Amino acid sequence: MTAAAKKKATSTKAKKTVTKKTELQAGPTGEPVEMERISVPVEAVRPDQFLIDPASTNIEEALFVAHEVIKPMHTIREKQRQKIYRKGELSPYTGTRPDTDGTGITANVDLRDSSVKIIEYTGRVPAVFLPDAAGAAW
């Protein structure tokens, strides 16, 4: 299979980065054929970092799901520049990191770590939080 990428377009929304490529691939008789390939990277979310609407009994009924995670401040700033995260003030997180290796040991986070605790939210947003949704109904 020959992969000669001719065109590449990337669109980014929240955590989803969809990439479209046009590639030359071998057709059924061996001749080169242009094929479009779409790829979406997947990020594993640890169960203790996954938040779900507590009123729901399954993910389809949930009004929201979220990923709560501690990330380096430079990573958050880069995602703000890329417009993946909205712009805003960042405050260093000084709490504790969860047990990540099953030993039951948690680590304190120091200000020198320059880490930020964030919640990546996916779901419905109340209209009061949307500046252009005055009087809008769900």
C-alpha atoms as a PDB file:
ATOM      1  CA  MET A   1       0.000   0.000   0.000  1.00  0.00           C
ATOM      2  CA  THR A   2       1.451   3.372  -1.020  1.00  0.00           C
ATOM      3  CA  ALA A   3       0.623   6.330   1.196  1.00  0.00           C
ATOM      4  CA  ALA A   4       1.233   9.589  -0.654  1.00  0.00           C
ATOM      5  CA  ALA A   5      -0.717  12.222   1.201  1.00  0.00           C
ATOM      6  CA  LYS A   6      -1.908  14.923  -1.174  1.00  0.00           C
ATOM      7  CA  LYS A   7      -4.362  16.842   0.952  1.00  0.00           C
ATOM      8  CA  LYS A   8      -4.686  17.226   4.694  1.00  0.00           C
ATOM      9  CA  ALA A   9      -7.377  19.160   6.588  1.00  0.00           C
ATOM     10  CA  THR A  10      -7.673  19.177  10.348  1.00  0.00           C
ATOM     11  CA  SER A  11     -10.650  20.357  12.382  1.00  0.00           C
ATOM     12  CA  THR A  12     -10.467  20.561  16.159  1.00  0.00           C
ATOM     13  CA  LYS A  13     -13.338  20.678  18.658  1.00  0.00           C
ATOM     14  CA  ALA A  14     -12.883  19.950  22.351  1.00  0.00           C
ATOM     15  CA  LYS A  15     -10.862  16.715  22.563  1.00  0.00           C
ATOM     16  CA  LYS A  16     -11.698  15.496  19.083  1.00  0.00           C
ATOM     17  CA  THR A  17      -9.119  16.055  16.367  1.00  0.00           C
ATOM     18  CA  VAL A  18     -10.383  14.726  13.058  1.00  0.00           C
ATOM     19  CA  THR A  19      -7.859  14.439  10.254  1.00  0.00           C
ATOM     20  CA  LYS A  20      -8.794  13.853   6.605  1.00  0.00           C
ATOM     21  CA  LYS A  21      -6.177  12.677   4.127  1.00  0.00           C
ATOM     22  CA  THR A  22      -6.319  11.729   0.475  1.00  0.00           C
ATOM     23  CA  GLU A  23      -3.897   8.888  -0.179  1.00  0.00           C
ATOM     24  CA  LEU A  24      -2.897   6.728  -3.099  1.00  0.00           C
ATOM     25  CA  GLN A  25      -3.571   3.071  -2.384  1.00  0.00           C
ATOM     26  CA  ALA A  26      -3.401  -0.075  -4.460  1.00  0.00           C
ATOM     27  CA  GLY A  27      -6.777  -0.846  -6.062  1.00  0.00           C
ATOM     28  CA  PRO A  28      -8.243  -4.341  -6.671  1.00  0.00           C
ATOM     29  CA  THR A  29      -6.130  -4.834  -9.795  1.00  0.00           C
ATOM     30  CA  GLY A  30      -3.012  -3.186  -8.376  1.00  0.00           C
ATOM     31  CA  GLU A  31      -3.450   0.225 -10.013  1.00  0.00           C
ATOM     32  CA  PRO A  32      -3.139   3.299  -7.751  1.00  0.00           C
ATOM     33  CA  VAL A  33      -6.488   4.665  -6.583  1.00  0.00           C
ATOM     34  CA  GLU A  34      -7.120   7.832  -4.567  1.00  0.00           C
ATOM     35  CA  MET A  35      -8.802   6.998  -1.245  1.00  0.00           C
ATOM     36  CA  GLU A  36      -9.935   9.342   1.497  1.00  0.00           C
ATOM     37  CA  ARG A  37      -8.929   8.305   5.000  1.00  0.00           C
ATOM     38  CA  ILE A  38     -10.363   9.818   8.187  1.00  0.00           C
ATOM     39  CA  SER A  39      -8.619   9.309  11.520  1.00  0.00           C
ATOM     40  CA  VAL A  40      -9.679  10.241  15.057  1.00  0.00           C
ATOM     41  CA  PRO A  41      -7.218   9.755  17.925  1.00  0.00           C
ATOM     42  CA  VAL A  42      -8.559   8.117  21.070  1.00  0.00           C
ATOM     43  CA  GLU A  43      -7.476   9.071  24.587  1.00  0.00           C
ATOM     44  CA  ALA A  44      -7.959   6.548  27.386  1.00  0.00           C
ATOM     45  CA  VAL A  45      -9.657   8.009  30.476  1.00  0.00           C
ATOM     46  CA  ARG A  46      -8.991   6.410  33.850  1.00  0.00           C
ATOM     47  CA  PRO A  47     -12.193   5.411  35.703  1.00  0.00           C
ATOM     48  CA  ASP A  48     -11.358   7.621  38.700  1.00  0.00           C
ATOM     49  CA  GLN A  49     -11.072  10.627  36.351  1.00  0.00           C
ATOM     50  CA  PHE A  50     -14.405   9.964  34.567  1.00  0.00           C
ATOM     51  CA  LEU A  51     -17.382  11.949  35.845  1.00  0.00           C
ATOM     52  CA  ILE A  52     -20.991  11.354  34.795  1.00  0.00           C
ATOM     53  CA  ASP A  53     -24.354  12.923  35.590  1.00  0.00           C
ATOM     54  CA  PRO A  54     -25.286  11.312  38.942  1.00  0.00           C
ATOM     55  CA  ALA A  55     -28.998  11.330  38.042  1.00  0.00           C
ATOM     56  CA  SER A  56     -28.445   9.056  35.029  1.00  0.00           C
ATOM     57  CA  THR A  57     -28.491   5.269  35.010  1.00  0.00           C
ATOM     58  CA  ASN A  58     -26.501   4.945  31.767  1.00  0.00           C
ATOM     59  CA  ILE A  59     -24.363   7.094  29.478  1.00  0.00           C
ATOM     60  CA  GLU A  60     -27.150   7.619  26.926  1.00  0.00           C
ATOM     61  CA  GLU A  61     -29.382   9.283  29.571  1.00  0.00           C
ATOM     62  CA  ALA A  62     -26.598  11.411  31.059  1.00  0.00           C
ATOM     63  CA  LEU A  63     -26.900  15.171  30.618  1.00  0.00           C
ATOM     64  CA  PHE A  64     -23.108  15.389  30.830  1.00  0.00           C
ATOM     65  CA  VAL A  65     -19.882  13.464  31.119  1.00  0.00           C
ATOM     66  CA  ALA A  66     -16.540  14.963  32.064  1.00  0.00           C
ATOM     67  CA  HIS A  67     -12.859  14.156  32.412  1.00  0.00           C
ATOM     68  CA  GLU A  68     -11.220  15.545  35.568  1.00  0.00           C
ATOM     69  CA  VAL A  69      -7.456  15.544  35.262  1.00  0.00           C
ATOM     70  CA  ILE A  70      -4.312  17.321  36.465  1.00  0.00           C
ATOM     71  CA  LYS A  71      -2.214  18.549  33.527  1.00  0.00           C
ATOM     72  CA  PRO A  72       0.924  20.674  33.167  1.00  0.00           C
ATOM     73  CA  MET A  73       0.153  24.387  32.822  1.00  0.00           C
ATOM     74  CA  HIS A  74       2.101  24.676  29.554  1.00  0.00           C
ATOM     75  CA  THR A  75      -0.158  22.017  27.995  1.00  0.00           C
ATOM     76  CA  ILE A  76      -3.286  23.977  28.965  1.00  0.00           C
ATOM     77  CA  ARG A  77      -1.840  27.234  27.615  1.00  0.00           C
ATOM     78  CA  GLU A  78      -1.011  25.545  24.310  1.00  0.00           C
ATOM     79  CA  LYS A  79      -4.580  24.204  24.037  1.00  0.00           C
ATOM     80  CA  GLN A  80      -5.888  27.712  24.769  1.00  0.00           C
ATOM     81  CA  ARG A  81      -3.759  29.065  21.898  1.00  0.00           C
ATOM     82  CA  GLN A  82      -5.178  26.328  19.642  1.00  0.00           C
ATOM     83  CA  LYS A  83      -8.726  27.285  20.802  1.00  0.00           C
ATOM     84  CA  ILE A  84      -9.356  23.769  22.130  1.00  0.00           C
ATOM     85  CA  TYR A  85      -9.793  25.272  25.623  1.00  0.00           C
ATOM     86  CA  ARG A  86     -11.318  28.692  26.189  1.00  0.00           C
ATOM     87  CA  LYS A  87      -9.043  31.499  27.323  1.00  0.00           C
ATOM     88  CA  GLY A  88      -9.029  32.320  31.023  1.00  0.00           C
ATOM     89  CA  GLU A  89      -6.878  32.711  34.098  1.00  0.00           C
ATOM     90  CA  LEU A  90      -5.000  29.608  35.250  1.00  0.00           C
ATOM     91  CA  SER A  91      -4.262  28.943  38.894  1.00  0.00           C
ATOM     92  CA  PRO A  92      -1.740  26.298  39.942  1.00  0.00           C
ATOM     93  CA  TYR A  93      -3.291  23.251  41.587  1.00  0.00           C
ATOM     94  CA  THR A  94      -1.949  22.573  45.087  1.00  0.00           C
ATOM     95  CA  GLY A  95      -4.030  19.580  46.179  1.00  0.00           C
ATOM     96  CA  THR A  96      -3.069  15.918  45.959  1.00  0.00           C
ATOM     97  CA  ARG A  97      -2.616  13.707  42.951  1.00  0.00           C
ATOM     98  CA  PRO A  98      -4.635  10.505  43.075  1.00  0.00           C
ATOM     99  CA  ASP A  99      -3.124   7.058  43.534  1.00  0.00           C
ATOM    100  CA  THR A 100      -2.035   6.153  40.001  1.00  0.00           C
ATOM    101  CA  ASP A 101      -0.259   2.860  40.559  1.00  0.00           C
ATOM    102  CA  GLY A 102      -2.609   1.029  42.940  1.00  0.00           C
ATOM    103  CA  THR A 103      -0.364   1.393  45.993  1.00  0.00           C
ATOM    104  CA  GLY A 104      -2.765   3.695  47.854  1.00  0.00           C
ATOM    105  CA  ILE A 105      -0.111   6.419  48.013  1.00  0.00           C
ATOM    106  CA  THR A 106      -1.155   9.917  46.931  1.00  0.00           C
ATOM    107  CA  ALA A 107       1.284  12.719  46.172  1.00  0.00           C
ATOM    108  CA  ASN A 108       1.033  16.351  47.221  1.00  0.00           C
ATOM    109  CA  VAL A 109       1.237  18.816  44.354  1.00  0.00           C
ATOM    110  CA  ASP A 110       3.622  21.708  44.908  1.00  0.00           C
ATOM    111  CA  LEU A 111       3.228  25.163  43.308  1.00  0.00           C
ATOM    112  CA  ARG A 112       6.578  24.589  41.607  1.00  0.00           C
ATOM    113  CA  ASP A 113       4.972  21.742  39.628  1.00  0.00           C
ATOM    114  CA  SER A 114       2.914  24.298  37.644  1.00  0.00           C
ATOM    115  CA  SER A 115       0.044  21.860  37.255  1.00  0.00           C
ATOM    116  CA  VAL A 116      -3.608  22.738  36.691  1.00  0.00           C
ATOM    117  CA  LYS A 117      -6.645  20.666  37.642  1.00  0.00           C
ATOM    118  CA  ILE A 118      -9.181  20.872  34.834  1.00  0.00           C
ATOM    119  CA  ILE A 119     -12.541  19.370  33.948  1.00  0.00           C
ATOM    120  CA  GLU A 120     -13.142  18.683  30.271  1.00  0.00           C
ATOM    121  CA  TYR A 121     -16.949  18.792  30.026  1.00  0.00           C
ATOM    122  CA  THR A 122     -19.154  17.367  27.291  1.00  0.00           C
ATOM    123  CA  GLY A 123     -22.902  17.768  27.500  1.00  0.00           C
ATOM    124  CA  ARG A 124     -25.728  20.224  27.807  1.00  0.00           C
ATOM    125  CA  VAL A 125     -24.993  23.681  29.172  1.00  0.00           C
ATOM    126  CA  PRO A 126     -27.645  25.720  31.021  1.00  0.00           C
ATOM    127  CA  ALA A 127     -28.715  28.746  28.950  1.00  0.00           C
ATOM    128  CA  VAL A 128     -27.663  31.154  31.737  1.00  0.00           C
ATOM    129  CA  PHE A 129     -24.025  30.275  30.935  1.00  0.00           C
ATOM    130  CA  LEU A 130     -24.406  31.011  27.205  1.00  0.00           C
ATOM    131  CA  PRO A 131     -24.096  34.730  26.417  1.00  0.00           C
ATOM    132  CA  ASP A 132     -26.029  34.480  23.114  1.00  0.00           C
ATOM    133  CA  ALA A 133     -28.826  32.255  24.411  1.00  0.00           C
ATOM    134  CA  ALA A 134     -31.048  34.789  26.151  1.00  0.00           C
ATOM    135  CA  GLY A 135     -34.414  33.081  26.423  1.00  0.00           C
ATOM    136  CA  ALA A 136     -33.260  30.064  24.415  1.00  0.00           C
ATOM    137  CA  ALA A 137     -34.899  26.737  25.244  1.00  0.00           C
ATOM    138  CA  TRP A 138     -33.255  23.345  25.150  1.00  0.00           C
END
